C-alpha atoms as a PDB file:
ATOM      1  CA  UNK A   1      -1.294  21.885 -28.583  1.00  0.00           C
ATOM      2  CA  UNK A   2      -2.320  18.256 -28.029  1.00  0.00           C
ATOM      3  CA  UNK A   3      -0.378  15.644 -30.015  1.00  0.00           C
ATOM      4  CA  UNK A   4      -1.995  14.023 -33.046  1.00  0.00           C
ATOM      5  CA  UNK A   5      -2.296  10.577 -31.503  1.00  0.00           C
ATOM      6  CA  UNK A   6      -1.598   7.614 -33.723  1.00  0.00           C
ATOM      7  CA  UNK A   7      -4.410   5.091 -34.136  1.00  0.00           C
ATOM      8  CA  UNK A   8      -3.854   1.583 -32.814  1.00  0.00           C
ATOM      9  CA  UNK A   9      -3.501  -0.449 -36.033  1.00  0.00           C
ATOM     10  CA  UNK A  10      -3.575  -4.183 -36.501  1.00  0.00           C
ATOM     11  CA  UNK A  11      -0.160  -5.809 -36.585  1.00  0.00           C
ATOM     12  CA  UNK A  12       1.122  -6.518 -40.094  1.00  0.00           C
ATOM     13  CA  UNK A  13       0.783 -10.204 -40.881  1.00  0.00           C
ATOM     14  CA  UNK A  14       4.559 -10.570 -41.155  1.00  0.00           C
ATOM     15  CA  UNK A  15       5.020  -9.391 -37.532  1.00  0.00           C
ATOM     16  CA  UNK A  16       1.934 -10.923 -35.958  1.00  0.00           C
ATOM     17  CA  UNK A  17       3.325 -14.313 -34.910  1.00  0.00           C
ATOM     18  CA  UNK A  18       6.651 -12.977 -33.626  1.00  0.00           C
ATOM     19  CA  UNK A  19       4.929 -10.346 -31.494  1.00  0.00           C
ATOM     20  CA  UNK A  20       2.308 -12.787 -30.181  1.00  0.00           C
ATOM     21  CA  UNK A  21       5.029 -15.233 -29.089  1.00  0.00           C
ATOM     22  CA  UNK A  22       7.051 -12.440 -27.497  1.00  0.00           C
ATOM     23  CA  UNK A  23       4.082 -11.146 -25.503  1.00  0.00           C
ATOM     24  CA  UNK A  24       3.255 -14.678 -24.403  1.00  0.00           C
ATOM     25  CA  UNK A  25       6.790 -15.050 -23.030  1.00  0.00           C
ATOM     26  CA  UNK A  26       6.497 -11.716 -21.213  1.00  0.00           C
ATOM     27  CA  UNK A  27       3.358 -12.913 -19.498  1.00  0.00           C
ATOM     28  CA  UNK A  28       4.695 -16.357 -18.574  1.00  0.00           C
ATOM     29  CA  UNK A  29       8.272 -15.475 -17.588  1.00  0.00           C
ATOM     30  CA  UNK A  30       8.007 -12.000 -16.093  1.00  0.00           C
ATOM     31  CA  UNK A  31       4.513 -12.069 -14.691  1.00  0.00           C
ATOM     32  CA  UNK A  32       3.582  -8.729 -16.225  1.00  0.00           C
ATOM     33  CA  UNK A  33       0.044  -7.444 -15.851  1.00  0.00           C
ATOM     34  CA  UNK A  34      -2.440  -7.511 -18.718  1.00  0.00           C
ATOM     35  CA  UNK A  35      -2.295  -3.705 -18.818  1.00  0.00           C
ATOM     36  CA  UNK A  36       1.490  -3.718 -19.276  1.00  0.00           C
ATOM     37  CA  UNK A  37       1.422  -6.433 -21.933  1.00  0.00           C
ATOM     38  CA  UNK A  38      -1.285  -4.551 -23.812  1.00  0.00           C
ATOM     39  CA  UNK A  39       0.882  -1.405 -23.755  1.00  0.00           C
ATOM     40  CA  UNK A  40       3.726  -3.408 -25.348  1.00  0.00           C
ATOM     41  CA  UNK A  41       1.320  -4.685 -27.999  1.00  0.00           C
ATOM     42  CA  UNK A  42       0.130  -1.176 -28.865  1.00  0.00           C
ATOM     43  CA  UNK A  43       3.676   0.170 -29.129  1.00  0.00           C
ATOM     44  CA  UNK A  44       4.819  -2.695 -31.345  1.00  0.00           C
ATOM     45  CA  UNK A  45       1.698  -2.470 -33.524  1.00  0.00           C
ATOM     46  CA  UNK A  46       2.279   1.226 -34.154  1.00  0.00           C
ATOM     47  CA  UNK A  47       5.964   0.736 -34.927  1.00  0.00           C
ATOM     48  CA  UNK A  48       5.555  -2.184 -37.319  1.00  0.00           C
ATOM     49  CA  UNK A  49       2.614  -0.500 -39.030  1.00  0.00           C
ATOM     50  CA  UNK A  50       4.856   2.534 -39.594  1.00  0.00           C
ATOM     51  CA  UNK A  51       7.577   0.267 -41.023  1.00  0.00           C
ATOM     52  CA  UNK A  52       5.165  -1.583 -43.322  1.00  0.00           C
ATOM     53  CA  UNK A  53       3.975   1.728 -44.770  1.00  0.00           C
ATOM     54  CA  UNK A  54       7.599   2.343 -45.726  1.00  0.00           C
ATOM     55  CA  UNK A  55       8.087  -0.939 -47.536  1.00  0.00           C
ATOM     56  CA  UNK A  56       9.207  -3.307 -44.787  1.00  0.00           C
ATOM     57  CA  UNK A  57       7.883  -6.843 -45.186  1.00  0.00           C
ATOM     58  CA  UNK A  58       9.565  -8.733 -42.319  1.00  0.00           C
ATOM     59  CA  UNK A  59      10.994  -7.959 -38.874  1.00  0.00           C
ATOM     60  CA  UNK A  60      14.558  -8.627 -40.048  1.00  0.00           C
ATOM     61  CA  UNK A  61      14.363  -5.765 -42.574  1.00  0.00           C
ATOM     62  CA  UNK A  62      13.973  -3.086 -39.914  1.00  0.00           C
ATOM     63  CA  UNK A  63      17.075  -0.925 -39.675  1.00  0.00           C
ATOM     64  CA  UNK A  64      18.338   2.026 -37.656  1.00  0.00           C
ATOM     65  CA  UNK A  65      17.035   4.512 -40.195  1.00  0.00           C
ATOM     66  CA  UNK A  66      13.503   3.222 -39.598  1.00  0.00           C
ATOM     67  CA  UNK A  67      13.969   3.668 -35.848  1.00  0.00           C
ATOM     68  CA  UNK A  68      15.374   7.192 -36.162  1.00  0.00           C
ATOM     69  CA  UNK A  69      12.671   8.266 -38.605  1.00  0.00           C
ATOM     70  CA  UNK A  70       9.970   6.735 -36.411  1.00  0.00           C
ATOM     71  CA  UNK A  71      11.110   8.843 -33.458  1.00  0.00           C
ATOM     72  CA  UNK A  72      11.142  11.920 -35.663  1.00  0.00           C
ATOM     73  CA  UNK A  73       7.658  10.968 -36.865  1.00  0.00           C
ATOM     74  CA  UNK A  74       6.405  10.761 -33.267  1.00  0.00           C
ATOM     75  CA  UNK A  75       8.062  14.039 -32.356  1.00  0.00           C
ATOM     76  CA  UNK A  76       6.428  15.800 -35.302  1.00  0.00           C
ATOM     77  CA  UNK A  77       3.046  14.694 -33.987  1.00  0.00           C
ATOM     78  CA  UNK A  78       3.640  16.198 -30.583  1.00  0.00           C
ATOM     79  CA  UNK A  79       4.352  13.092 -28.529  1.00  0.00           C
ATOM     80  CA  UNK A  80       6.054  13.813 -25.218  1.00  0.00           C
ATOM     81  CA  UNK A  81       9.634  12.755 -24.557  1.00  0.00           C
ATOM     82  CA  UNK A  82       8.320  10.236 -22.024  1.00  0.00           C
ATOM     83  CA  UNK A  83       5.946   8.618 -24.543  1.00  0.00           C
ATOM     84  CA  UNK A  84       8.631   8.491 -27.237  1.00  0.00           C
ATOM     85  CA  UNK A  85      11.107   6.956 -24.802  1.00  0.00           C
ATOM     86  CA  UNK A  86       8.595   4.285 -23.766  1.00  0.00           C
ATOM     87  CA  UNK A  87       7.728   3.372 -27.340  1.00  0.00           C
ATOM     88  CA  UNK A  88      11.410   3.100 -28.241  1.00  0.00           C
ATOM     89  CA  UNK A  89      12.004   0.954 -25.158  1.00  0.00           C
ATOM     90  CA  UNK A  90       9.207  -1.424 -26.194  1.00  0.00           C
ATOM     91  CA  UNK A  91      10.712  -1.978 -29.648  1.00  0.00           C
ATOM     92  CA  UNK A  92      14.250  -2.229 -28.279  1.00  0.00           C
ATOM     93  CA  UNK A  93      13.151  -4.902 -25.786  1.00  0.00           C
ATOM     94  CA  UNK A  94      11.381  -6.877 -28.528  1.00  0.00           C
ATOM     95  CA  UNK A  95      14.510  -6.962 -30.679  1.00  0.00           C
ATOM     96  CA  UNK A  96      16.788  -7.716 -27.737  1.00  0.00           C
ATOM     97  CA  UNK A  97      14.670 -10.820 -27.139  1.00  0.00           C
ATOM     98  CA  UNK A  98      14.757 -11.675 -30.852  1.00  0.00           C
ATOM     99  CA  UNK A  99      18.558 -11.402 -30.926  1.00  0.00           C
ATOM    100  CA  UNK A 100      18.903 -13.654 -27.869  1.00  0.00           C
ATOM    101  CA  UNK A 101      16.709 -16.264 -29.536  1.00  0.00           C
ATOM    102  CA  UNK A 102      18.581 -16.063 -32.829  1.00  0.00           C
ATOM    103  CA  UNK A 103      15.554 -14.716 -34.698  1.00  0.00           C
ATOM    104  CA  UNK A 104      17.201 -11.374 -35.490  1.00  0.00           C
ATOM    105  CA  UNK A 105      20.837 -10.693 -36.272  1.00  0.00           C
ATOM    106  CA  UNK A 106      20.981  -7.273 -34.630  1.00  0.00           C
ATOM    107  CA  UNK A 107      18.891  -4.854 -32.628  1.00  0.00           C
ATOM    108  CA  UNK A 108      18.030  -1.895 -34.898  1.00  0.00           C
ATOM    109  CA  UNK A 109      17.505   0.354 -31.892  1.00  0.00           C
ATOM    110  CA  UNK A 110      21.117  -0.145 -30.720  1.00  0.00           C
ATOM    111  CA  UNK A 111      22.950   3.188 -30.898  1.00  0.00           C
ATOM    112  CA  UNK A 112      19.675   5.008 -31.584  1.00  0.00           C
ATOM    113  CA  UNK A 113      19.241   7.622 -28.889  1.00  0.00           C
ATOM    114  CA  UNK A 114      15.662   7.973 -27.686  1.00  0.00           C
ATOM    115  CA  UNK A 115      14.678  11.179 -25.884  1.00  0.00           C
ATOM    116  CA  UNK A 116      15.328  10.981 -22.160  1.00  0.00           C
ATOM    117  CA  UNK A 117      12.118  11.783 -20.303  1.00  0.00           C
ATOM    118  CA  UNK A 118      12.272  14.537 -17.735  1.00  0.00           C
ATOM    119  CA  UNK A 119      11.386  12.678 -14.568  1.00  0.00           C
ATOM    120  CA  UNK A 120       9.344  14.717 -12.086  1.00  0.00           C
ATOM    121  CA  UNK A 121      10.193  14.392  -8.427  1.00  0.00           C
ATOM    122  CA  UNK A 122       7.615  12.428  -6.443  1.00  0.00           C
ATOM    123  CA  UNK A 123       5.301  14.395  -4.178  1.00  0.00           C
ATOM    124  CA  UNK A 124       5.835  13.725  -0.489  1.00  0.00           C
ATOM    125  CA  UNK A 125       3.670  15.073   2.327  1.00  0.00           C
ATOM    126  CA  UNK A 126       5.448  16.363   5.423  1.00  0.00           C
ATOM    127  CA  UNK A 127       5.666  13.882   8.296  1.00  0.00           C
ATOM    128  CA  UNK A 128       3.787  16.136  10.733  1.00  0.00           C
ATOM    129  CA  UNK A 129       1.079  16.809   8.154  1.00  0.00           C
ATOM    130  CA  UNK A 130       0.573  13.067   7.530  1.00  0.00           C
ATOM    131  CA  UNK A 131       0.342  12.337  11.266  1.00  0.00           C
ATOM    132  CA  UNK A 132      -2.102  15.182  11.855  1.00  0.00           C
ATOM    133  CA  UNK A 133      -4.312  14.128   8.915  1.00  0.00           C
ATOM    134  CA  UNK A 134      -4.472  10.512  10.088  1.00  0.00           C
ATOM    135  CA  UNK A 135      -5.166  11.508  13.703  1.00  0.00           C
ATOM    136  CA  UNK A 136      -7.996  13.752  12.507  1.00  0.00           C
ATOM    137  CA  UNK A 137      -9.958  10.842  10.993  1.00  0.00           C
ATOM    138  CA  UNK A 138     -13.064  10.358  13.130  1.00  0.00           C
ATOM    139  CA  UNK A 139     -13.007   6.564  13.160  1.00  0.00           C
ATOM    140  CA  UNK A 140     -16.320   5.728  14.829  1.00  0.00           C
ATOM    141  CA  UNK A 141     -18.271   3.755  12.217  1.00  0.00           C
ATOM    142  CA  UNK A 142     -16.982   0.669  10.322  1.00  0.00           C
ATOM    143  CA  UNK A 143     -16.129   2.478   7.031  1.00  0.00           C
ATOM    144  CA  UNK A 144     -14.147   5.146   8.892  1.00  0.00           C
ATOM    145  CA  UNK A 145     -12.349   2.523  10.990  1.00  0.00           C
ATOM    146  CA  UNK A 146     -11.474   0.690   7.765  1.00  0.00           C
ATOM    147  CA  UNK A 147     -10.278   3.862   6.053  1.00  0.00           C
ATOM    148  CA  UNK A 148      -8.044   4.813   8.962  1.00  0.00           C
ATOM    149  CA  UNK A 149      -6.560   1.312   9.052  1.00  0.00           C
ATOM    150  CA  UNK A 150      -5.785   1.173   5.337  1.00  0.00           C
ATOM    151  CA  UNK A 151      -4.259   4.674   5.406  1.00  0.00           C
ATOM    152  CA  UNK A 152      -2.134   3.736   8.426  1.00  0.00           C
ATOM    153  CA  UNK A 153      -0.945   0.629   6.568  1.00  0.00           C
ATOM    154  CA  UNK A 154      -0.207   2.564   3.369  1.00  0.00           C
ATOM    155  CA  UNK A 155       1.935   5.084   5.210  1.00  0.00           C
ATOM    156  CA  UNK A 156       3.565   2.491   7.481  1.00  0.00           C
ATOM    157  CA  UNK A 157       4.540   0.134   4.661  1.00  0.00           C
ATOM    158  CA  UNK A 158       4.819   2.145   1.428  1.00  0.00           C
ATOM    159  CA  UNK A 159       2.688  -0.402  -0.445  1.00  0.00           C
ATOM    160  CA  UNK A 160       1.464   0.143  -3.963  1.00  0.00           C
ATOM    161  CA  UNK A 161      -2.305   0.497  -4.155  1.00  0.00           C
ATOM    162  CA  UNK A 162      -2.577  -2.788  -6.095  1.00  0.00           C
ATOM    163  CA  UNK A 163      -0.605  -4.569  -3.361  1.00  0.00           C
ATOM    164  CA  UNK A 164      -2.870  -3.184  -0.655  1.00  0.00           C
ATOM    165  CA  UNK A 165      -6.049  -4.064  -2.576  1.00  0.00           C
ATOM    166  CA  UNK A 166      -4.976  -7.697  -3.056  1.00  0.00           C
ATOM    167  CA  UNK A 167      -4.216  -8.367   0.618  1.00  0.00           C
ATOM    168  CA  UNK A 168      -6.030 -11.171   2.404  1.00  0.00           C
ATOM    169  CA  UNK A 169      -6.742 -11.693   6.093  1.00  0.00           C
ATOM    170  CA  UNK A 170      -3.897 -14.213   6.320  1.00  0.00           C
ATOM    171  CA  UNK A 171      -1.392 -11.654   4.988  1.00  0.00           C
ATOM    172  CA  UNK A 172      -1.453  -9.773   8.292  1.00  0.00           C
ATOM    173  CA  UNK A 173       1.183 -10.830  10.810  1.00  0.00           C
ATOM    174  CA  UNK A 174       1.925  -9.554  14.306  1.00  0.00           C
ATOM    175  CA  UNK A 175       4.075  -6.645  13.132  1.00  0.00           C
ATOM    176  CA  UNK A 176       4.392  -7.285   9.373  1.00  0.00           C
ATOM    177  CA  UNK A 177       2.225  -7.597   6.290  1.00  0.00           C
ATOM    178  CA  UNK A 178       2.911  -9.920   3.357  1.00  0.00           C
ATOM    179  CA  UNK A 179       2.221  -8.638  -0.147  1.00  0.00           C
ATOM    180  CA  UNK A 180       2.593  -9.788  -3.734  1.00  0.00           C
ATOM    181  CA  UNK A 181       4.288  -7.075  -5.793  1.00  0.00           C
ATOM    182  CA  UNK A 182       5.297  -6.579  -9.404  1.00  0.00           C
ATOM    183  CA  UNK A 183       6.431  -9.712 -11.180  1.00  0.00           C
ATOM    184  CA  UNK A 184       4.409 -11.692  -8.612  1.00  0.00           C
ATOM    185  CA  UNK A 185       7.248 -11.330  -6.116  1.00  0.00           C
ATOM    186  CA  UNK A 186       6.261 -11.779  -2.488  1.00  0.00           C
ATOM    187  CA  UNK A 187       7.796  -9.636   0.220  1.00  0.00           C
ATOM    188  CA  UNK A 188       7.176  -9.079   3.913  1.00  0.00           C
ATOM    189  CA  UNK A 189       7.056  -5.485   5.112  1.00  0.00           C
ATOM    190  CA  UNK A 190       7.158  -4.326   8.750  1.00  0.00           C
ATOM    191  CA  UNK A 191       4.518  -1.964  10.093  1.00  0.00           C
ATOM    192  CA  UNK A 192       4.616   0.221  13.197  1.00  0.00           C
ATOM    193  CA  UNK A 193       2.444   0.178  16.308  1.00  0.00           C
ATOM    194  CA  UNK A 194      -0.165   2.727  15.122  1.00  0.00           C
ATOM    195  CA  UNK A 195      -0.797   0.650  11.991  1.00  0.00           C
ATOM    196  CA  UNK A 196      -0.892  -2.556  14.028  1.00  0.00           C
ATOM    197  CA  UNK A 197      -3.451  -1.073  16.404  1.00  0.00           C
ATOM    198  CA  UNK A 198      -5.598   0.323  13.567  1.00  0.00           C
ATOM    199  CA  UNK A 199      -5.501  -3.021  11.747  1.00  0.00           C
ATOM    200  CA  UNK A 200      -6.498  -4.947  14.858  1.00  0.00           C
ATOM    201  CA  UNK A 201      -9.391  -2.584  15.530  1.00  0.00           C
ATOM    202  CA  UNK A 202     -10.571  -2.946  11.951  1.00  0.00           C
ATOM    203  CA  UNK A 203     -10.169  -6.737  11.839  1.00  0.00           C
ATOM    204  CA  UNK A 204     -11.994  -7.308  15.134  1.00  0.00           C
ATOM    205  CA  UNK A 205     -14.611  -4.579  15.224  1.00  0.00           C
ATOM    206  CA  UNK A 206     -15.284  -3.311  11.698  1.00  0.00           C
ATOM    207  CA  UNK A 207     -14.538  -5.945   9.066  1.00  0.00           C
ATOM    208  CA  UNK A 208     -17.046  -8.500  10.444  1.00  0.00           C
ATOM    209  CA  UNK A 209     -19.765  -5.820  10.230  1.00  0.00           C
ATOM    210  CA  UNK A 210     -18.851  -4.883   6.649  1.00  0.00           C
ATOM    211  CA  UNK A 211     -18.132  -8.292   5.143  1.00  0.00           C
ATOM    212  CA  UNK A 212     -20.753 -10.100   3.089  1.00  0.00           C
ATOM    213  CA  UNK A 213     -20.599 -13.545   1.434  1.00  0.00           C
ATOM    214  CA  UNK A 214     -18.637 -12.107  -1.502  1.00  0.00           C
ATOM    215  CA  UNK A 215     -15.809 -10.794   0.714  1.00  0.00           C
ATOM    216  CA  UNK A 216     -14.102 -14.161   1.001  1.00  0.00           C
ATOM    217  CA  UNK A 217     -10.630 -13.758   2.483  1.00  0.00           C
ATOM    218  CA  UNK A 218     -10.154 -10.193   1.196  1.00  0.00           C
ATOM    219  CA  UNK A 219      -8.793  -8.002   3.973  1.00  0.00           C
ATOM    220  CA  UNK A 220     -10.404  -4.773   2.825  1.00  0.00           C
ATOM    221  CA  UNK A 221     -14.172  -4.829   2.427  1.00  0.00           C
ATOM    222  CA  UNK A 222     -16.371  -2.262   0.709  1.00  0.00           C
ATOM    223  CA  UNK A 223     -19.774  -0.867   1.647  1.00  0.00           C
ATOM    224  CA  UNK A 224     -21.601  -3.592  -0.323  1.00  0.00           C
ATOM    225  CA  UNK A 225     -19.832  -6.385   1.502  1.00  0.00           C
ATOM    226  CA  UNK A 226     -17.417  -7.397  -1.265  1.00  0.00           C
ATOM    227  CA  UNK A 227     -13.677  -6.794  -1.654  1.00  0.00           C
ATOM    228  CA  UNK A 228     -12.624  -3.142  -1.762  1.00  0.00           C
ATOM    229  CA  UNK A 229     -10.836  -2.573  -5.073  1.00  0.00           C
ATOM    230  CA  UNK A 230      -8.174  -0.028  -6.035  1.00  0.00           C
ATOM    231  CA  UNK A 231     -10.796   2.516  -7.047  1.00  0.00           C
ATOM    232  CA  UNK A 232     -12.460   2.246  -3.651  1.00  0.00           C
ATOM    233  CA  UNK A 233      -9.115   2.714  -1.909  1.00  0.00           C
ATOM    234  CA  UNK A 234      -8.417   5.832  -3.966  1.00  0.00           C
ATOM    235  CA  UNK A 235     -11.800   7.243  -3.012  1.00  0.00           C
ATOM    236  CA  UNK A 236     -11.166   6.532   0.668  1.00  0.00           C
ATOM    237  CA  UNK A 237      -7.759   8.219   0.676  1.00  0.00           C
ATOM    238  CA  UNK A 238      -9.068  11.203  -1.274  1.00  0.00           C
ATOM    239  CA  UNK A 239     -12.003  11.558   1.123  1.00  0.00           C
ATOM    240  CA  UNK A 240      -9.911  11.328   4.286  1.00  0.00           C
ATOM    241  CA  UNK A 241      -6.650  13.017   3.246  1.00  0.00           C
ATOM    242  CA  UNK A 242      -7.522  14.953   0.068  1.00  0.00           C
ATOM    243  CA  UNK A 243      -4.636  13.285  -1.752  1.00  0.00           C
ATOM    244  CA  UNK A 244      -3.864  10.095  -3.669  1.00  0.00           C
ATOM    245  CA  UNK A 245      -2.568   6.762  -2.285  1.00  0.00           C
ATOM    246  CA  UNK A 246       0.790   6.966  -4.079  1.00  0.00           C
ATOM    247  CA  UNK A 247       1.559  10.171  -2.168  1.00  0.00           C
ATOM    248  CA  UNK A 248       1.701   8.029   0.974  1.00  0.00           C
ATOM    249  CA  UNK A 249       4.165   5.663  -0.727  1.00  0.00           C
ATOM    250  CA  UNK A 250       6.316   8.642  -1.692  1.00  0.00           C
ATOM    251  CA  UNK A 251       6.065  10.034   1.832  1.00  0.00           C
ATOM    252  CA  UNK A 252       6.991   6.657   3.341  1.00  0.00           C
ATOM    253  CA  UNK A 253      10.208   6.451   1.298  1.00  0.00           C
ATOM    254  CA  UNK A 254      11.153  10.097   1.737  1.00  0.00           C
ATOM    255  CA  UNK A 255      10.647  10.095   5.504  1.00  0.00           C
ATOM    256  CA  UNK A 256      12.678   6.901   5.910  1.00  0.00           C
ATOM    257  CA  UNK A 257      15.607   8.414   4.019  1.00  0.00           C
ATOM    258  CA  UNK A 258      15.330  11.669   5.940  1.00  0.00           C
ATOM    259  CA  UNK A 259      15.516   9.594   9.111  1.00  0.00           C
ATOM    260  CA  UNK A 260      18.771   7.970   7.989  1.00  0.00           C
ATOM    261  CA  UNK A 261      17.525   4.698   6.474  1.00  0.00           C
ATOM    262  CA  UNK A 262      19.833   2.863   4.078  1.00  0.00           C
ATOM    263  CA  UNK A 263      18.875   3.288   0.421  1.00  0.00           C
ATOM    264  CA  UNK A 264      19.000  -0.454  -0.288  1.00  0.00           C
ATOM    265  CA  UNK A 265      16.777  -1.156   2.702  1.00  0.00           C
ATOM    266  CA  UNK A 266      14.226   1.304   1.324  1.00  0.00           C
ATOM    267  CA  UNK A 267      14.542  -0.396  -2.080  1.00  0.00           C
ATOM    268  CA  UNK A 268      13.648  -3.740  -0.499  1.00  0.00           C
ATOM    269  CA  UNK A 269      10.730  -2.265   1.441  1.00  0.00           C
ATOM    270  CA  UNK A 270       9.299  -0.627  -1.685  1.00  0.00           C
ATOM    271  CA  UNK A 271       9.798  -3.753  -3.806  1.00  0.00           C
ATOM    272  CA  UNK A 272      11.856  -1.937  -6.447  1.00  0.00           C
ATOM    273  CA  UNK A 273      13.795  -4.231  -8.766  1.00  0.00           C
ATOM    274  CA  UNK A 274      16.294  -1.487  -9.647  1.00  0.00           C
ATOM    275  CA  UNK A 275      18.091   0.711  -7.107  1.00  0.00           C
ATOM    276  CA  UNK A 276      17.976   3.600  -9.593  1.00  0.00           C
ATOM    277  CA  UNK A 277      14.202   3.721  -9.161  1.00  0.00           C
ATOM    278  CA  UNK A 278      14.636   4.259  -5.430  1.00  0.00           C
ATOM    279  CA  UNK A 279      17.375   6.865  -5.849  1.00  0.00           C
ATOM    280  CA  UNK A 280      14.886   9.485  -7.053  1.00  0.00           C
ATOM    281  CA  UNK A 281      13.800   9.838  -3.417  1.00  0.00           C
ATOM    282  CA  UNK A 282      17.259  11.067  -2.448  1.00  0.00           C
ATOM    283  CA  UNK A 283      16.564  14.137  -4.595  1.00  0.00           C
ATOM    284  CA  UNK A 284      13.382  14.732  -2.606  1.00  0.00           C
ATOM    285  CA  UNK A 285      15.267  14.539   0.685  1.00  0.00           C
ATOM    286  CA  UNK A 286      17.954  16.922  -0.621  1.00  0.00           C
ATOM    287  CA  UNK A 287      15.238  19.357  -1.649  1.00  0.00           C
ATOM    288  CA  UNK A 288      13.686  19.103   1.807  1.00  0.00           C
ATOM    289  CA  UNK A 289      17.023  19.568   3.538  1.00  0.00           C
ATOM    290  CA  UNK A 290      17.776  22.603   1.384  1.00  0.00           C
ATOM    291  CA  UNK A 291      14.443  24.124   2.358  1.00  0.00           C
ATOM    292  CA  UNK A 292      15.145  23.477   6.030  1.00  0.00           C
ATOM    293  CA  UNK A 293      18.594  25.047   5.690  1.00  0.00           C
ATOM    294  CA  UNK A 294      17.244  28.120   3.907  1.00  0.00           C
ATOM    295  CA  UNK A 295      14.632  28.654   6.621  1.00  0.00           C
ATOM    296  CA  UNK A 296      16.846  27.931   9.594  1.00  0.00           C
ATOM    297  CA  UNK A 297      20.443  29.026   8.992  1.00  0.00           C
ATOM    298  CA  UNK A 298      21.184  32.656   9.896  1.00  0.00           C
ATOM    299  CA  UNK A 299      23.435  33.069   6.861  1.00  0.00           C
ATOM    300  CA  UNK A 300      21.524  30.930   4.361  1.00  0.00           C
END
């Protein structure tokens, strides 16, 4: 049964200024995307609306009982553990900031246990399957040459789709690409010879034929001559590989670890701020190794 989704209410007047200032700081200091900041706003609006309906008239009046009852309220409406955990995290982060700034005396979500989301393992394509799928792309016309190049780069670098879409011509080095990741952090990622060759073929022979006046310095160009956006990249990967771009990022990380790469090196290549985010790939490699053992060992 689908959850009874809460509407997105207006913030109560007593919380409006504090939330607006908090979201402004998130944008300025952490470089979060508009989508992420809007998700924070929705979560905080729902929480403070819930509190107002129970008699709260200022942010300092919120206590642990409100937090616990809010989680129970969400659970009763069928929200997933992941959604409940995210909403709790949004409120906890708001109050942590308020405590640091001396606006609140305590964080009401301290010692309130939010449901831990069950985290699915990322989907990784086998190395031979990836290579065979890329080699099967019939790269004869400019769009196909472009698609093969961007897929080679995705698999060679593990980039997020947003990072790939925002690349410019000047971001391509001899054997590296430079990208701007989450939090507007720039990193340089190495790419292998197949990706280098595919990029050179695209840059020299295909991009000039695709690019129109609107392309500017965008590396990837769409059929109409303008920059190829994330949606266009998804379509290209789905058309050529029958999968989604993030599967190539998962495959990149998994195959590196299976090949003996250091976990922290993979963290840096992926642009993860927290090593724990990268560690999920070790579970994928263990699963793969177990499968190999079960198929290969005579007494498995």
